[in-house]
């Protein structure tokens, strides 16, 4: 055990004394903090792990007077993967089909705003699934949450009909 590497999923976080919120030294005196080792998975892994492990606890949110120093990613795109090639089949009635994009966010109340090729296409809250039907070719997906965090992903549609 002495020569094994440190677990990259355990992070030292600082909580308020009541252990309800995360804090840091910019917004809370050191004697009003409790330092705790916390098991933190990347957002996509947390999404799947949490559904099968009821004992998993997501990171607490920062107290309202504490600005998040953004040390841990708050959201991620589950689908499409980086540089995916997506086939959109034609439905039985001849209309081009669609695909479902999926994202996850650590804050269950966060709103995610979806943009395709620079154009706003909608928003999601709680369940971040979005149906997309688009033309053949290269596309660029951008997600922005209500805190201003941004994710971008490129993908290609290889056939829309």
Protein backbone atom coordinates (compact mmCIF):
# COMPACT_ATOMS: atom_id res chain seq x y z
CA UNK A 1 0.00 0.00 0.00
CA UNK A 2 2.85 2.42 0.64
CA UNK A 3 4.01 2.33 -2.98
CA UNK A 4 0.56 2.49 -4.63
CA UNK A 5 -0.55 5.82 -6.09
CA UNK A 6 -3.06 8.07 -4.33
CA UNK A 7 -6.69 7.58 -5.42
CA UNK A 8 -7.46 10.30 -7.97
CA UNK A 9 -11.18 10.18 -7.09
CA UNK A 10 -10.81 11.22 -3.46
CA UNK A 11 -10.58 14.99 -3.07
CA UNK A 12 -10.11 17.07 0.03
CA UNK A 13 -13.05 19.47 0.20
CA UNK A 14 -13.98 22.10 2.76
CA UNK A 15 -17.48 22.17 4.23
CA UNK A 16 -19.37 24.54 6.48
CA UNK A 17 -19.51 23.31 10.06
CA UNK A 18 -23.05 21.98 9.51
CA UNK A 19 -21.67 20.03 6.48
CA UNK A 20 -24.45 21.29 4.19
CA UNK A 21 -22.36 23.49 1.87
CA UNK A 22 -18.90 23.69 0.37
CA UNK A 23 -16.84 26.72 1.35
CA UNK A 24 -13.32 28.04 0.84
CA UNK A 25 -11.01 30.49 2.59
CA UNK A 26 -12.24 33.46 0.51
CA UNK A 27 -15.72 33.26 2.04
CA UNK A 28 -15.31 31.47 5.36
CA UNK A 29 -12.79 31.72 8.21
CA UNK A 30 -10.63 28.62 8.64
CA UNK A 31 -12.10 27.87 12.07
CA UNK A 32 -15.59 27.74 10.50
CA UNK A 33 -14.65 25.00 8.01
CA UNK A 34 -14.45 21.27 8.20
CA UNK A 35 -12.03 19.49 5.81
CA UNK A 36 -13.31 16.13 4.54
CA UNK A 37 -12.09 13.55 2.02
CA UNK A 38 -14.86 13.11 -0.58
CA UNK A 39 -15.26 10.52 -3.33
CA UNK A 40 -15.74 12.60 -6.53
CA UNK A 41 -16.29 11.04 -9.94
CA UNK A 42 -16.27 12.91 -13.27
CA UNK A 43 -19.84 13.97 -14.23
CA UNK A 44 -20.51 11.16 -16.75
CA UNK A 45 -19.19 8.44 -14.44
CA UNK A 46 -21.20 9.94 -11.55
CA UNK A 47 -24.36 9.84 -13.68
CA UNK A 48 -24.11 6.07 -14.17
CA UNK A 49 -22.52 5.17 -10.81
CA UNK A 50 -25.15 7.09 -8.81
CA UNK A 51 -28.02 5.18 -10.44
CA UNK A 52 -26.59 1.86 -9.21
CA UNK A 53 -25.08 2.94 -5.87
CA UNK A 54 -27.57 4.67 -3.61
CA UNK A 55 -24.87 5.41 -1.02
CA UNK A 56 -22.98 7.69 -3.46
CA UNK A 57 -23.18 11.33 -2.40
CA UNK A 58 -22.70 14.10 -4.95
CA UNK A 59 -20.57 17.07 -3.99
CA UNK A 60 -22.52 19.60 -1.89
CA UNK A 61 -23.11 22.95 -3.59
CA UNK A 62 -21.17 26.04 -2.59
CA UNK A 63 -22.79 28.30 -0.02
CA UNK A 64 -24.51 31.25 -1.70
CA UNK A 65 -21.87 33.74 -0.53
CA UNK A 66 -19.03 31.55 -1.89
CA UNK A 67 -18.08 31.82 -5.54
CA UNK A 68 -17.28 28.42 -7.05
CA UNK A 69 -13.56 28.33 -7.89
CA UNK A 70 -14.43 25.75 -10.60
CA UNK A 71 -11.96 23.15 -9.45
CA UNK A 72 -14.29 20.32 -10.50
CA UNK A 73 -16.28 20.08 -13.74
CA UNK A 74 -19.99 20.67 -13.13
CA UNK A 75 -21.40 19.18 -16.35
CA UNK A 76 -20.46 16.90 -19.20
CA UNK A 77 -21.87 15.63 -22.48
CA UNK A 78 -22.79 11.94 -22.43
CA UNK A 79 -23.80 11.78 -26.11
CA UNK A 80 -22.53 12.58 -28.68
CA UNK A 81 -18.96 11.53 -27.96
CA UNK A 82 -16.06 13.57 -29.36
CA UNK A 83 -16.09 13.62 -33.18
CA UNK A 84 -18.96 11.11 -33.41
CA UNK A 85 -20.36 10.10 -36.76
CA UNK A 86 -24.13 9.92 -36.40
CA UNK A 87 -26.44 8.15 -38.80
CA UNK A 88 -29.98 9.56 -38.89
CA UNK A 89 -32.24 6.99 -40.60
CA UNK A 90 -35.37 7.83 -42.52
CA UNK A 91 -38.56 6.89 -40.67
CA UNK A 92 -41.23 4.69 -42.25
CA UNK A 93 -43.24 7.76 -43.32
CA UNK A 94 -40.21 9.14 -45.22
CA UNK A 95 -39.39 11.90 -42.73
CA UNK A 96 -35.71 12.12 -41.65
CA UNK A 97 -35.21 10.77 -38.14
CA UNK A 98 -33.57 12.38 -35.15
CA UNK A 99 -31.10 11.48 -32.43
CA UNK A 100 -31.22 12.10 -28.70
CA UNK A 101 -28.32 14.04 -27.20
CA UNK A 102 -27.69 13.67 -23.50
CA UNK A 103 -25.81 15.68 -20.87
CA UNK A 104 -25.41 15.53 -17.12
CA UNK A 105 -25.00 18.24 -14.50
CA UNK A 106 -23.96 17.97 -10.85
CA UNK A 107 -26.61 20.50 -9.84
CA UNK A 108 -30.02 18.81 -10.23
CA UNK A 109 -31.74 22.20 -10.61
CA UNK A 110 -29.37 23.56 -13.27
CA UNK A 111 -30.73 24.71 -16.62
CA UNK A 112 -28.70 23.77 -19.69
CA UNK A 113 -29.07 25.86 -22.85
CA UNK A 114 -28.43 23.91 -26.07
CA UNK A 115 -26.96 25.50 -29.21
CA UNK A 116 -26.37 23.78 -32.56
CA UNK A 117 -23.99 25.47 -35.00
CA UNK A 118 -24.26 28.73 -33.06
CA UNK A 119 -28.08 28.76 -33.00
CA UNK A 120 -30.08 28.36 -29.77
CA UNK A 121 -32.29 25.25 -30.06
CA UNK A 122 -33.73 24.94 -26.54
CA UNK A 123 -33.09 24.29 -22.88
CA UNK A 124 -33.45 21.43 -20.41
CA UNK A 125 -33.86 21.20 -16.65
CA UNK A 126 -33.36 18.11 -14.46
CA UNK A 127 -33.40 15.55 -17.30
CA UNK A 128 -30.92 16.75 -19.91
CA UNK A 129 -32.04 14.86 -23.03
CA UNK A 130 -32.53 16.77 -26.26
CA UNK A 131 -33.88 15.47 -29.59
CA UNK A 132 -31.95 16.78 -32.60
CA UNK A 133 -32.68 16.41 -36.30
CA UNK A 134 -30.22 18.11 -38.62
CA UNK A 135 -28.71 18.05 -42.10
CA UNK A 136 -25.86 15.85 -43.25
CA UNK A 137 -22.39 17.28 -42.56
CA UNK A 138 -20.16 18.57 -39.77
CA UNK A 139 -21.88 20.23 -36.77
CA UNK A 140 -20.93 21.91 -33.53
CA UNK A 141 -22.88 21.47 -30.27
CA UNK A 142 -22.48 24.02 -27.48
CA UNK A 143 -24.00 23.70 -24.01
CA UNK A 144 -24.14 26.59 -21.54
CA UNK A 145 -25.49 26.21 -18.02
CA UNK A 146 -27.21 28.92 -15.99
CA UNK A 147 -23.91 29.61 -14.17
CA UNK A 148 -22.12 30.33 -17.47
CA UNK A 149 -20.09 27.09 -17.74
CA UNK A 150 -19.68 26.06 -21.39
CA UNK A 151 -19.02 22.76 -23.16
CA UNK A 152 -18.49 22.22 -26.86
CA UNK A 153 -18.52 19.10 -28.98
CA UNK A 154 -18.19 18.53 -32.73
CA UNK A 155 -19.91 15.68 -34.54
CA UNK A 156 -20.82 14.69 -38.09
CA UNK A 157 -24.12 13.49 -39.50
CA UNK A 158 -23.22 10.98 -42.19
CA UNK A 159 -26.69 10.45 -43.63
CA UNK A 160 -30.01 12.13 -43.03
CA UNK A 161 -31.88 10.09 -45.65
